[in-house]
C-alpha atoms as a PDB file:
ATOM      1  CA  UNK A   1     168.988  78.566 225.429  1.00  0.00           C
ATOM      2  CA  UNK A   2     167.215  76.416 222.885  1.00  0.00           C
ATOM      3  CA  UNK A   3     169.580  74.599 220.504  1.00  0.00           C
ATOM      4  CA  UNK A   4     169.448  75.858 216.923  1.00  0.00           C
ATOM      5  CA  UNK A   5     168.314  72.532 215.465  1.00  0.00           C
ATOM      6  CA  UNK A   6     165.358  72.427 217.862  1.00  0.00           C
ATOM      7  CA  UNK A   7     164.473  76.037 217.066  1.00  0.00           C
ATOM      8  CA  UNK A   8     164.493  75.260 213.336  1.00  0.00           C
ATOM      9  CA  UNK A   9     162.307  72.166 213.810  1.00  0.00           C
ATOM     10  CA  UNK A  10     159.811  74.181 215.850  1.00  0.00           C
ATOM     11  CA  UNK A  11     159.746  76.950 213.232  1.00  0.00           C
ATOM     12  CA  UNK A  12     159.207  74.518 210.336  1.00  0.00           C
ATOM     13  CA  UNK A  13     156.521  72.714 212.328  1.00  0.00           C
ATOM     14  CA  UNK A  14     154.571  75.968 212.656  1.00  0.00           C
ATOM     15  CA  UNK A  15     155.047  76.946 209.013  1.00  0.00           C
ATOM     16  CA  UNK A  16     152.712  76.261 206.116  1.00  0.00           C
ATOM     17  CA  UNK A  17     155.495  76.546 203.534  1.00  0.00           C
ATOM     18  CA  UNK A  18     159.171  75.629 203.160  1.00  0.00           C
ATOM     19  CA  UNK A  19     161.505  78.389 204.405  1.00  0.00           C
ATOM     20  CA  UNK A  20     164.875  79.583 203.111  1.00  0.00           C
ATOM     21  CA  UNK A  21     167.975  79.824 205.304  1.00  0.00           C
ATOM     22  CA  UNK A  22     167.897  83.628 205.113  1.00  0.00           C
ATOM     23  CA  UNK A  23     164.241  83.742 206.181  1.00  0.00           C
ATOM     24  CA  UNK A  24     164.992  81.454 209.125  1.00  0.00           C
ATOM     25  CA  UNK A  25     167.838  83.695 210.260  1.00  0.00           C
ATOM     26  CA  UNK A  26     165.590  86.761 210.140  1.00  0.00           C
ATOM     27  CA  UNK A  27     162.666  85.095 211.948  1.00  0.00           C
ATOM     28  CA  UNK A  28     164.851  83.511 214.633  1.00  0.00           C
ATOM     29  CA  UNK A  29     167.031  86.626 214.908  1.00  0.00           C
ATOM     30  CA  UNK A  30     170.162  84.530 214.460  1.00  0.00           C
ATOM     31  CA  UNK A  31     173.177  84.689 212.159  1.00  0.00           C
ATOM     32  CA  UNK A  32     173.178  82.836 208.848  1.00  0.00           C
ATOM     33  CA  UNK A  33     176.161  80.738 210.006  1.00  0.00           C
ATOM     34  CA  UNK A  34     174.324  79.665 213.160  1.00  0.00           C
ATOM     35  CA  UNK A  35     171.253  78.590 211.174  1.00  0.00           C
ATOM     36  CA  UNK A  36     173.475  76.839 208.629  1.00  0.00           C
ATOM     37  CA  UNK A  37     174.960  74.696 211.389  1.00  0.00           C
ATOM     38  CA  UNK A  38     171.521  73.642 212.593  1.00  0.00           C
ATOM     39  CA  UNK A  39     170.381  72.830 209.064  1.00  0.00           C
ATOM     40  CA  UNK A  40     173.409  70.623 208.388  1.00  0.00           C
ATOM     41  CA  UNK A  41     172.751  68.641 211.562  1.00  0.00           C
ATOM     42  CA  UNK A  42     169.063  68.160 210.734  1.00  0.00           C
ATOM     43  CA  UNK A  43     169.817  67.176 207.125  1.00  0.00           C
ATOM     44  CA  UNK A  44     172.400  64.643 208.321  1.00  0.00           C
ATOM     45  CA  UNK A  45     169.808  62.992 210.566  1.00  0.00           C
ATOM     46  CA  UNK A  46     167.126  63.043 207.869  1.00  0.00           C
ATOM     47  CA  UNK A  47     164.737  65.254 209.840  1.00  0.00           C
ATOM     48  CA  UNK A  48     164.422  67.914 207.156  1.00  0.00           C
ATOM     49  CA  UNK A  49     164.666  68.037 203.367  1.00  0.00           C
ATOM     50  CA  UNK A  50     165.731  70.575 200.767  1.00  0.00           C
ATOM     51  CA  UNK A  51     162.954  71.903 198.556  1.00  0.00           C
ATOM     52  CA  UNK A  52     163.870  73.452 195.211  1.00  0.00           C
ATOM     53  CA  UNK A  53     167.192  73.760 193.447  1.00  0.00           C
ATOM     54  CA  UNK A  54     170.058  76.162 192.841  1.00  0.00           C
ATOM     55  CA  UNK A  55     169.529  79.603 194.350  1.00  0.00           C
ATOM     56  CA  UNK A  56     165.919  78.846 195.285  1.00  0.00           C
ATOM     57  CA  UNK A  57     166.578  76.229 197.989  1.00  0.00           C
ATOM     58  CA  UNK A  58     164.237  76.156 200.967  1.00  0.00           C
ATOM     59  CA  UNK A  59     163.789  73.649 203.774  1.00  0.00           C
ATOM     60  CA  UNK A  60     160.863  71.664 205.129  1.00  0.00           C
ATOM     61  CA  UNK A  61     160.151  68.809 207.503  1.00  0.00           C
ATOM     62  CA  UNK A  62     160.937  65.375 206.071  1.00  0.00           C
ATOM     63  CA  UNK A  63     157.598  64.032 207.289  1.00  0.00           C
ATOM     64  CA  UNK A  64     155.821  66.641 205.151  1.00  0.00           C
ATOM     65  CA  UNK A  65     157.755  65.863 201.975  1.00  0.00           C
ATOM     66  CA  UNK A  66     154.686  64.556 200.146  1.00  0.00           C
ATOM     67  CA  UNK A  67     152.909  67.918 200.285  1.00  0.00           C
ATOM     68  CA  UNK A  68     155.912  69.979 199.164  1.00  0.00           C
ATOM     69  CA  UNK A  69     156.213  70.625 195.468  1.00  0.00           C
ATOM     70  CA  UNK A  70     159.774  69.946 194.368  1.00  0.00           C
ATOM     71  CA  UNK A  71     159.567  70.797 190.675  1.00  0.00           C
ATOM     72  CA  UNK A  72     162.716  71.010 188.595  1.00  0.00           C
ATOM     73  CA  UNK A  73     164.465  74.324 188.154  1.00  0.00           C
ATOM     74  CA  UNK A  74     163.656  75.085 184.496  1.00  0.00           C
ATOM     75  CA  UNK A  75     165.622  77.853 182.799  1.00  0.00           C
ATOM     76  CA  UNK A  76     164.312  77.479 179.234  1.00  0.00           C
ATOM     77  CA  UNK A  77     160.740  78.809 178.947  1.00  0.00           C
ATOM     78  CA  UNK A  78     159.975  76.943 175.733  1.00  0.00           C
ATOM     79  CA  UNK A  79     160.683  73.583 177.426  1.00  0.00           C
ATOM     80  CA  UNK A  80     158.194  74.032 180.276  1.00  0.00           C
ATOM     81  CA  UNK A  81     155.684  71.168 180.253  1.00  0.00           C
ATOM     82  CA  UNK A  82     153.648  71.458 183.464  1.00  0.00           C
ATOM     83  CA  UNK A  83     152.269  74.036 185.928  1.00  0.00           C
ATOM     84  CA  UNK A  84     154.919  73.366 188.608  1.00  0.00           C
ATOM     85  CA  UNK A  85     157.731  74.099 186.170  1.00  0.00           C
ATOM     86  CA  UNK A  86     155.999  77.286 185.017  1.00  0.00           C
ATOM     87  CA  UNK A  87     155.560  78.606 188.563  1.00  0.00           C
ATOM     88  CA  UNK A  88     159.186  77.791 189.420  1.00  0.00           C
ATOM     89  CA  UNK A  89     160.330  79.650 186.304  1.00  0.00           C
ATOM     90  CA  UNK A  90     158.182  82.733 186.973  1.00  0.00           C
ATOM     91  CA  UNK A  91     159.233  82.945 190.635  1.00  0.00           C
ATOM     92  CA  UNK A  92     162.957  82.718 189.856  1.00  0.00           C
ATOM     93  CA  UNK A  93     163.405  86.488 190.147  1.00  0.00           C
ATOM     94  CA  UNK A  94     167.206  86.256 190.054  1.00  0.00           C
ATOM     95  CA  UNK A  95     166.976  85.275 186.391  1.00  0.00           C
ATOM     96  CA  UNK A  96     163.626  86.868 185.495  1.00  0.00           C
ATOM     97  CA  UNK A  97     164.736  90.314 186.692  1.00  0.00           C
ATOM     98  CA  UNK A  98     168.411  90.056 185.738  1.00  0.00           C
ATOM     99  CA  UNK A  99     168.010  92.696 183.008  1.00  0.00           C
ATOM    100  CA  UNK A 100     165.653  94.945 184.974  1.00  0.00           C
ATOM    101  CA  UNK A 101     167.056  97.771 187.092  1.00  0.00           C
ATOM    102  CA  UNK A 102     163.794  99.247 188.414  1.00  0.00           C
ATOM    103  CA  UNK A 103     160.264  98.047 189.137  1.00  0.00           C
ATOM    104  CA  UNK A 104     157.616 100.680 188.439  1.00  0.00           C
ATOM    105  CA  UNK A 105     154.052 101.173 189.592  1.00  0.00           C
ATOM    106  CA  UNK A 106     151.674 103.680 188.023  1.00  0.00           C
ATOM    107  CA  UNK A 107     149.384 105.116 190.660  1.00  0.00           C
ATOM    108  CA  UNK A 108     148.123 108.329 192.257  1.00  0.00           C
ATOM    109  CA  UNK A 109     149.810 110.898 194.464  1.00  0.00           C
ATOM    110  CA  UNK A 110     147.338 109.989 197.210  1.00  0.00           C
ATOM    111  CA  UNK A 111     148.630 106.404 197.172  1.00  0.00           C
ATOM    112  CA  UNK A 112     152.244 107.583 197.437  1.00  0.00           C
ATOM    113  CA  UNK A 113     151.411 109.856 200.366  1.00  0.00           C
ATOM    114  CA  UNK A 114     149.664 106.918 202.062  1.00  0.00           C
ATOM    115  CA  UNK A 115     152.745 104.697 201.647  1.00  0.00           C
ATOM    116  CA  UNK A 116     155.050 107.313 203.141  1.00  0.00           C
ATOM    117  CA  UNK A 117     152.673 108.384 205.930  1.00  0.00           C
ATOM    118  CA  UNK A 118     151.585 104.874 206.986  1.00  0.00           C
ATOM    119  CA  UNK A 119     154.965 103.245 206.428  1.00  0.00           C
ATOM    120  CA  UNK A 120     153.309 100.334 204.682  1.00  0.00           C
ATOM    121  CA  UNK A 121     152.492  98.979 201.245  1.00  0.00           C
ATOM    122  CA  UNK A 122     148.932  97.867 200.551  1.00  0.00           C
ATOM    123  CA  UNK A 123     148.155  94.697 198.573  1.00  0.00           C
ATOM    124  CA  UNK A 124     144.642  94.253 197.262  1.00  0.00           C
ATOM    125  CA  UNK A 125     142.354  91.342 196.538  1.00  0.00           C
ATOM    126  CA  UNK A 126     142.574  89.884 193.017  1.00  0.00           C
ATOM    127  CA  UNK A 127     138.782  90.028 192.893  1.00  0.00           C
ATOM    128  CA  UNK A 128     139.286  93.610 191.715  1.00  0.00           C
ATOM    129  CA  UNK A 129     141.592  92.647 188.824  1.00  0.00           C
ATOM    130  CA  UNK A 130     140.649  93.597 185.281  1.00  0.00           C
ATOM    131  CA  UNK A 131     141.491  90.403 183.368  1.00  0.00           C
ATOM    132  CA  UNK A 132     138.532  88.128 182.623  1.00  0.00           C
ATOM    133  CA  UNK A 133     140.833  85.131 182.081  1.00  0.00           C
ATOM    134  CA  UNK A 134     142.057  85.357 185.669  1.00  0.00           C
ATOM    135  CA  UNK A 135     138.519  85.509 186.993  1.00  0.00           C
ATOM    136  CA  UNK A 136     137.601  82.451 184.927  1.00  0.00           C
ATOM    137  CA  UNK A 137     140.528  80.619 186.509  1.00  0.00           C
ATOM    138  CA  UNK A 138     138.991  81.159 189.937  1.00  0.00           C
ATOM    139  CA  UNK A 139     140.554  84.337 191.312  1.00  0.00           C
ATOM    140  CA  UNK A 140     137.125  85.749 192.097  1.00  0.00           C
ATOM    141  CA  UNK A 141     136.517  82.925 194.569  1.00  0.00           C
ATOM    142  CA  UNK A 142     139.818  83.204 196.463  1.00  0.00           C
ATOM    143  CA  UNK A 143     140.193  85.306 199.601  1.00  0.00           C
ATOM    144  CA  UNK A 144     143.711  84.184 200.550  1.00  0.00           C
ATOM    145  CA  UNK A 145     145.734  85.678 197.665  1.00  0.00           C
ATOM    146  CA  UNK A 146     146.784  89.317 197.428  1.00  0.00           C
ATOM    147  CA  UNK A 147     148.755  91.232 194.791  1.00  0.00           C
ATOM    148  CA  UNK A 148     150.539  94.487 194.147  1.00  0.00           C
ATOM    149  CA  UNK A 149     151.476  94.921 190.495  1.00  0.00           C
ATOM    150  CA  UNK A 150     154.605  96.460 189.000  1.00  0.00           C
ATOM    151  CA  UNK A 151     155.982  96.931 185.504  1.00  0.00           C
ATOM    152  CA  UNK A 152     159.391  95.470 184.615  1.00  0.00           C
ATOM    153  CA  UNK A 153     160.060  98.237 182.125  1.00  0.00           C
ATOM    154  CA  UNK A 154     161.667 101.639 182.584  1.00  0.00           C
ATOM    155  CA  UNK A 155     160.398 103.005 179.260  1.00  0.00           C
ATOM    156  CA  UNK A 156     157.236 104.971 180.026  1.00  0.00           C
ATOM    157  CA  UNK A 157     153.917 103.701 178.721  1.00  0.00           C
ATOM    158  CA  UNK A 158     151.077 106.026 177.770  1.00  0.00           C
ATOM    159  CA  UNK A 159     148.717 103.049 178.114  1.00  0.00           C
ATOM    160  CA  UNK A 160     149.837 102.543 181.728  1.00  0.00           C
ATOM    161  CA  UNK A 161     149.577 106.253 182.509  1.00  0.00           C
ATOM    162  CA  UNK A 162     146.042 106.269 181.085  1.00  0.00           C
ATOM    163  CA  UNK A 163     144.829 103.162 182.886  1.00  0.00           C
ATOM    164  CA  UNK A 164     146.442 103.244 186.310  1.00  0.00           C
ATOM    165  CA  UNK A 165     147.809 106.740 187.089  1.00  0.00           C
ATOM    166  CA  UNK A 166     144.432 108.394 187.470  1.00  0.00           C
ATOM    167  CA  UNK A 167     143.042 110.967 187.831  1.00  0.00           C
ATOM    168  CA  UNK A 168     145.387 112.675 185.368  1.00  0.00           C
ATOM    169  CA  UNK A 169     146.099 115.678 187.600  1.00  0.00           C
ATOM    170  CA  UNK A 170     147.341 113.375 190.409  1.00  0.00           C
ATOM    171  CA  UNK A 171     148.962 110.613 188.341  1.00  0.00           C
ATOM    172  CA  UNK A 172     152.484 109.508 189.291  1.00  0.00           C
ATOM    173  CA  UNK A 173     154.820 106.572 188.806  1.00  0.00           C
ATOM    174  CA  UNK A 174     156.802 104.987 191.645  1.00  0.00           C
ATOM    175  CA  UNK A 175     160.147 103.428 190.667  1.00  0.00           C
ATOM    176  CA  UNK A 176     162.080 101.177 193.072  1.00  0.00           C
ATOM    177  CA  UNK A 177     165.534  99.668 192.332  1.00  0.00           C
ATOM    178  CA  UNK A 178     165.282  95.886 191.910  1.00  0.00           C
ATOM    179  CA  UNK A 179     168.153  95.193 194.323  1.00  0.00           C
ATOM    180  CA  UNK A 180     166.474  97.115 197.141  1.00  0.00           C
ATOM    181  CA  UNK A 181     163.067  95.680 196.210  1.00  0.00           C
ATOM    182  CA  UNK A 182     164.266  92.083 196.616  1.00  0.00           C
ATOM    183  CA  UNK A 183     166.026  92.930 199.886  1.00  0.00           C
ATOM    184  CA  UNK A 184     162.808  94.499 201.169  1.00  0.00           C
ATOM    185  CA  UNK A 185     160.642  91.476 200.386  1.00  0.00           C
ATOM    186  CA  UNK A 186     163.172  89.050 201.878  1.00  0.00           C
ATOM    187  CA  UNK A 187     163.033  91.025 205.114  1.00  0.00           C
ATOM    188  CA  UNK A 188     159.241  91.122 205.568  1.00  0.00           C
ATOM    189  CA  UNK A 189     158.375  89.623 208.957  1.00  0.00           C
ATOM    190  CA  UNK A 190     154.619  90.244 209.291  1.00  0.00           C
ATOM    191  CA  UNK A 191     151.597  90.586 207.011  1.00  0.00           C
ATOM    192  CA  UNK A 192     148.976  92.923 208.479  1.00  0.00           C
ATOM    193  CA  UNK A 193     145.251  93.079 207.967  1.00  0.00           C
ATOM    194  CA  UNK A 194     144.441  96.353 206.150  1.00  0.00           C
ATOM    195  CA  UNK A 195     141.344  98.386 205.369  1.00  0.00           C
ATOM    196  CA  UNK A 196     140.612  98.218 201.603  1.00  0.00           C
ATOM    197  CA  UNK A 197     139.174 101.740 201.682  1.00  0.00           C
ATOM    198  CA  UNK A 198     141.818 103.629 203.676  1.00  0.00           C
ATOM    199  CA  UNK A 199     144.698 101.223 202.901  1.00  0.00           C
ATOM    200  CA  UNK A 200     145.779 101.572 206.551  1.00  0.00           C
ATOM    201  CA  UNK A 201     147.127  98.502 208.385  1.00  0.00           C
ATOM    202  CA  UNK A 202     145.828  97.113 211.643  1.00  0.00           C
ATOM    203  CA  UNK A 203     149.096  96.224 213.336  1.00  0.00           C
ATOM    204  CA  UNK A 204     147.271  94.242 216.021  1.00  0.00           C
ATOM    205  CA  UNK A 205     145.985  91.766 213.400  1.00  0.00           C
ATOM    206  CA  UNK A 206     148.734  90.029 211.486  1.00  0.00           C
ATOM    207  CA  UNK A 207     150.185  86.791 210.176  1.00  0.00           C
ATOM    208  CA  UNK A 208     153.856  85.937 210.749  1.00  0.00           C
ATOM    209  CA  UNK A 209     155.944  85.410 207.628  1.00  0.00           C
ATOM    210  CA  UNK A 210     156.401  81.705 208.263  1.00  0.00           C
ATOM    211  CA  UNK A 211     152.624  81.264 207.956  1.00  0.00           C
ATOM    212  CA  UNK A 212     152.375  83.224 204.704  1.00  0.00           C
ATOM    213  CA  UNK A 213     154.016  82.669 201.336  1.00  0.00           C
ATOM    214  CA  UNK A 214     155.508  85.941 200.075  1.00  0.00           C
ATOM    215  CA  UNK A 215     156.930  85.963 196.572  1.00  0.00           C
ATOM    216  CA  UNK A 216     157.857  88.070 193.570  1.00  0.00           C
ATOM    217  CA  UNK A 217     156.799  86.579 190.253  1.00  0.00           C
ATOM    218  CA  UNK A 218     156.714  87.490 186.594  1.00  0.00           C
ATOM    219  CA  UNK A 219     153.374  87.059 184.836  1.00  0.00           C
ATOM    220  CA  UNK A 220     152.989  84.819 181.763  1.00  0.00           C
ATOM    221  CA  UNK A 221     150.523  85.757 179.026  1.00  0.00           C
ATOM    222  CA  UNK A 222     148.223  83.304 177.296  1.00  0.00           C
ATOM    223  CA  UNK A 223     147.409  83.482 173.588  1.00  0.00           C
ATOM    224  CA  UNK A 224     144.136  81.648 172.899  1.00  0.00           C
ATOM    225  CA  UNK A 225     142.216  80.942 169.706  1.00  0.00           C
ATOM    226  CA  UNK A 226     138.535  81.668 169.120  1.00  0.00           C
ATOM    227  CA  UNK A 227     137.617  78.340 170.754  1.00  0.00           C
ATOM    228  CA  UNK A 228     139.397  79.278 173.964  1.00  0.00           C
ATOM    229  CA  UNK A 229     142.231  76.806 173.380  1.00  0.00           C
ATOM    230  CA  UNK A 230     145.728  77.847 174.414  1.00  0.00           C
ATOM    231  CA  UNK A 231     147.999  78.307 171.409  1.00  0.00           C
ATOM    232  CA  UNK A 232     151.035  79.630 173.254  1.00  0.00           C
ATOM    233  CA  UNK A 233     152.315  81.273 176.424  1.00  0.00           C
ATOM    234  CA  UNK A 234     154.584  84.304 176.454  1.00  0.00           C
ATOM    235  CA  UNK A 235     156.948  85.689 179.089  1.00  0.00           C
ATOM    236  CA  UNK A 236     158.894  88.661 177.853  1.00  0.00           C
ATOM    237  CA  UNK A 237     160.332  87.600 174.487  1.00  0.00           C
ATOM    238  CA  UNK A 238     160.183  83.881 175.373  1.00  0.00           C
ATOM    239  CA  UNK A 239     157.443  81.645 173.932  1.00  0.00           C
ATOM    240  CA  UNK A 240     156.125  78.248 175.011  1.00  0.00           C
ATOM    241  CA  UNK A 241     154.004  75.979 172.787  1.00  0.00           C
ATOM    242  CA  UNK A 242     154.036  72.870 175.007  1.00  0.00           C
ATOM    243  CA  UNK A 243     151.844  73.814 177.962  1.00  0.00           C
ATOM    244  CA  UNK A 244     148.304  73.705 176.563  1.00  0.00           C
ATOM    245  CA  UNK A 245     146.241  73.498 179.744  1.00  0.00           C
ATOM    246  CA  UNK A 246     146.171  76.456 182.150  1.00  0.00           C
ATOM    247  CA  UNK A 247     143.141  75.376 184.188  1.00  0.00           C
ATOM    248  CA  UNK A 248     145.248  73.984 187.028  1.00  0.00           C
ATOM    249  CA  UNK A 249     144.282  75.777 190.299  1.00  0.00           C
ATOM    250  CA  UNK A 250     147.966  76.241 191.158  1.00  0.00           C
ATOM    251  CA  UNK A 251     148.311  78.631 188.194  1.00  0.00           C
ATOM    252  CA  UNK A 252     145.806  81.116 189.610  1.00  0.00           C
ATOM    253  CA  UNK A 253     147.432  84.534 189.538  1.00  0.00           C
ATOM    254  CA  UNK A 254     150.367  83.559 187.334  1.00  0.00           C
ATOM    255  CA  UNK A 255     148.745  83.871 183.887  1.00  0.00           C
ATOM    256  CA  UNK A 256     146.873  86.699 182.159  1.00  0.00           C
ATOM    257  CA  UNK A 257     145.408  87.071 178.690  1.00  0.00           C
ATOM    258  CA  UNK A 258     147.933  88.345 176.149  1.00  0.00           C
ATOM    259  CA  UNK A 259     145.788  91.462 175.655  1.00  0.00           C
ATOM    260  CA  UNK A 260     147.645  92.692 178.763  1.00  0.00           C
ATOM    261  CA  UNK A 261     151.145  91.658 177.682  1.00  0.00           C
ATOM    262  CA  UNK A 262     152.192  95.292 177.206  1.00  0.00           C
ATOM    263  CA  UNK A 263     152.086  95.636 181.013  1.00  0.00           C
ATOM    264  CA  UNK A 264     155.156  93.369 181.410  1.00  0.00           C
ATOM    265  CA  UNK A 265     153.842  92.671 184.861  1.00  0.00           C
ATOM    266  CA  UNK A 266     155.728  91.602 187.952  1.00  0.00           C
ATOM    267  CA  UNK A 267     153.620  90.782 190.992  1.00  0.00           C
ATOM    268  CA  UNK A 268     154.386  91.080 194.657  1.00  0.00           C
ATOM    269  CA  UNK A 269     152.217  88.220 195.837  1.00  0.00           C
ATOM    270  CA  UNK A 270     151.130  87.027 199.281  1.00  0.00           C
ATOM    271  CA  UNK A 271     149.356  83.705 199.860  1.00  0.00           C
ATOM    272  CA  UNK A 272     147.928  83.714 203.375  1.00  0.00           C
ATOM    273  CA  UNK A 273     146.802  80.100 203.394  1.00  0.00           C
ATOM    274  CA  UNK A 274     143.672  78.654 204.946  1.00  0.00           C
ATOM    275  CA  UNK A 275     141.952  80.021 208.002  1.00  0.00           C
ATOM    276  CA  UNK A 276     142.828  83.708 207.483  1.00  0.00           C
ATOM    277  CA  UNK A 277     140.177  85.934 205.964  1.00  0.00           C
ATOM    278  CA  UNK A 278     141.362  89.481 205.314  1.00  0.00           C
ATOM    279  CA  UNK A 279     139.855  91.828 202.715  1.00  0.00           C
ATOM    280  CA  UNK A 280     143.152  93.619 202.263  1.00  0.00           C
ATOM    281  CA  UNK A 281     146.684  93.326 203.588  1.00  0.00           C
ATOM    282  CA  UNK A 282     149.773  95.479 204.059  1.00  0.00           C
ATOM    283  CA  UNK A 283     153.481  95.002 204.728  1.00  0.00           C
ATOM    284  CA  UNK A 284     155.955  97.374 206.344  1.00  0.00           C
ATOM    285  CA  UNK A 285     157.999  99.637 204.062  1.00  0.00           C
ATOM    286  CA  UNK A 286     161.478 100.243 205.510  1.00  0.00           C
ATOM    287  CA  UNK A 287     162.971 103.701 205.333  1.00  0.00           C
ATOM    288  CA  UNK A 288     165.637 102.670 202.806  1.00  0.00           C
ATOM    289  CA  UNK A 289     162.890 101.751 200.318  1.00  0.00           C
ATOM    290  CA  UNK A 290     161.219 105.146 200.650  1.00  0.00           C
ATOM    291  CA  UNK A 291     164.626 106.775 200.275  1.00  0.00           C
ATOM    292  CA  UNK A 292     165.342 104.752 197.103  1.00  0.00           C
ATOM    293  CA  UNK A 293     162.023 105.619 195.437  1.00  0.00           C
ATOM    294  CA  UNK A 294     161.826 107.928 192.459  1.00  0.00           C
ATOM    295  CA  UNK A 295     158.419 109.600 192.044  1.00  0.00           C
ATOM    296  CA  UNK A 296     157.668 110.683 188.476  1.00  0.00           C
ATOM    297  CA  UNK A 297     154.819 113.095 187.821  1.00  0.00           C
ATOM    298  CA  UNK A 298     152.475 112.124 185.005  1.00  0.00           C
ATOM    299  CA  UNK A 299     151.840 113.783 181.635  1.00  0.00           C
ATOM    300  CA  UNK A 300     149.050 116.009 183.004  1.00  0.00           C
ATOM    301  CA  UNK A 301     150.080 116.296 186.634  1.00  0.00           C
ATOM    302  CA  UNK A 302     149.020 119.586 188.186  1.00  0.00           C
ATOM    303  CA  UNK A 303     151.208 121.667 190.479  1.00  0.00           C
ATOM    304  CA  UNK A 304     154.691 121.210 191.883  1.00  0.00           C
ATOM    305  CA  UNK A 305     155.179 117.557 192.805  1.00  0.00           C
ATOM    306  CA  UNK A 306     157.797 118.192 195.505  1.00  0.00           C
ATOM    307  CA  UNK A 307     155.712 120.901 197.157  1.00  0.00           C
ATOM    308  CA  UNK A 308     152.625 118.698 197.155  1.00  0.00           C
ATOM    309  CA  UNK A 309     154.593 115.825 198.694  1.00  0.00           C
ATOM    310  CA  UNK A 310     156.167 118.012 201.380  1.00  0.00           C
ATOM    311  CA  UNK A 311     152.808 119.534 202.276  1.00  0.00           C
ATOM    312  CA  UNK A 312     151.605 116.060 203.287  1.00  0.00           C
ATOM    313  CA  UNK A 313     154.751 114.189 204.310  1.00  0.00           C
ATOM    314  CA  UNK A 314     157.360 116.829 205.254  1.00  0.00           C
ATOM    315  CA  UNK A 315     159.980 114.727 203.511  1.00  0.00           C
ATOM    316  CA  UNK A 316     162.371 115.212 200.606  1.00  0.00           C
ATOM    317  CA  UNK A 317     161.856 112.688 197.807  1.00  0.00           C
ATOM    318  CA  UNK A 318     163.547 112.005 194.498  1.00  0.00           C
ATOM    319  CA  UNK A 319     161.238 113.366 191.803  1.00  0.00           C
ATOM    320  CA  UNK A 320     161.171 113.480 188.011  1.00  0.00           C
ATOM    321  CA  UNK A 321     158.811 114.536 185.222  1.00  0.00           C
ATOM    322  CA  UNK A 322     157.253 112.237 182.645  1.00  0.00           C
ATOM    323  CA  UNK A 323     158.788 112.263 179.182  1.00  0.00           C
ATOM    324  CA  UNK A 324     155.281 113.115 178.019  1.00  0.00           C
ATOM    325  CA  UNK A 325     154.762 115.910 180.538  1.00  0.00           C
ATOM    326  CA  UNK A 326     152.720 118.775 179.080  1.00  0.00           C
ATOM    327  CA  UNK A 327     152.779 117.160 175.620  1.00  0.00           C
ATOM    328  CA  UNK A 328     149.280 115.664 175.581  1.00  0.00           C
ATOM    329  CA  UNK A 329     146.359 117.731 174.402  1.00  0.00           C
ATOM    330  CA  UNK A 330     143.784 117.977 177.179  1.00  0.00           C
ATOM    331  CA  UNK A 331     140.067 117.729 176.455  1.00  0.00           C
ATOM    332  CA  UNK A 332     137.484 118.344 179.216  1.00  0.00           C
ATOM    333  CA  UNK A 333     135.882 114.910 178.924  1.00  0.00           C
ATOM    334  CA  UNK A 334     139.117 112.963 179.610  1.00  0.00           C
ATOM    335  CA  UNK A 335     138.890 113.050 183.396  1.00  0.00           C
ATOM    336  CA  UNK A 336     135.160 113.290 183.900  1.00  0.00           C
ATOM    337  CA  UNK A 337     134.691 109.682 184.980  1.00  0.00           C
ATOM    338  CA  UNK A 338     137.289 110.070 187.763  1.00  0.00           C
ATOM    339  CA  UNK A 339     135.672 113.206 189.197  1.00  0.00           C
ATOM    340  CA  UNK A 340     132.232 111.777 189.842  1.00  0.00           C
END
């Protein structure tokens, strides 16, 4: 049996990113206490280093220390001065989601049925995003970053229903409890190649978790003047006036124009790293996540939501109706573009 310290060294040697103790235990199929013992031995002999601070500690090889970013754990948004501090702040989901009970995604019934039937969650290429600022930052040239977007707000948004839960007659909102959501993402072991059209995964083509960086991050919003200069950054109710340059490549995918600030976006993000070229990806959705979901039918949803779900999935789901259900006046032209 391989000693735990050797197993950890081998795992870190194969990894492109630092790894947390919990991730190591899951990948190596060992207990947290067993991994902890190996880590203490390796730290004592100077073979590995801690990366990050507080509740965000991960571990990497000491010889690779120069390429690990070890930015300070910043808790005050207005004091952030550089890109590393901003990314650390946005990815600290323990604090960023401390007042959020559910993460919501506005989508279509077809997407929900696909998630349940395929047992996976699709993440798309940012090349299809709708924010010009992100494209200017270089998202349109990256093929190693993938997102799935959620709203950190339980109060329904007509703007979100109108933009993302289309067509109207099939529009729904998925809500997942934050506690279960974080547990789910911590437990992801593989990232599969997926068909962008069907959203189905190819489970024979995948990247192990230790080769991919999987994270949950809040999005910051940039307020710029007419000359394109950054005046301030916003994250929730917090404001930063110190960080004036957002052109750093490391900030790709973390900042949007403040025109989209009403989305209060949280992103499930996967960075595949170099050498992997997928057009779409997917991760497994455990049964407890599907069980925890609440599916809310949109303002103009047609038919009985539960019956439509059961007809496709033969499964009971928690369902609700939008606060705006049957309250919006329908005009024939509203859905024309989605029916072509």
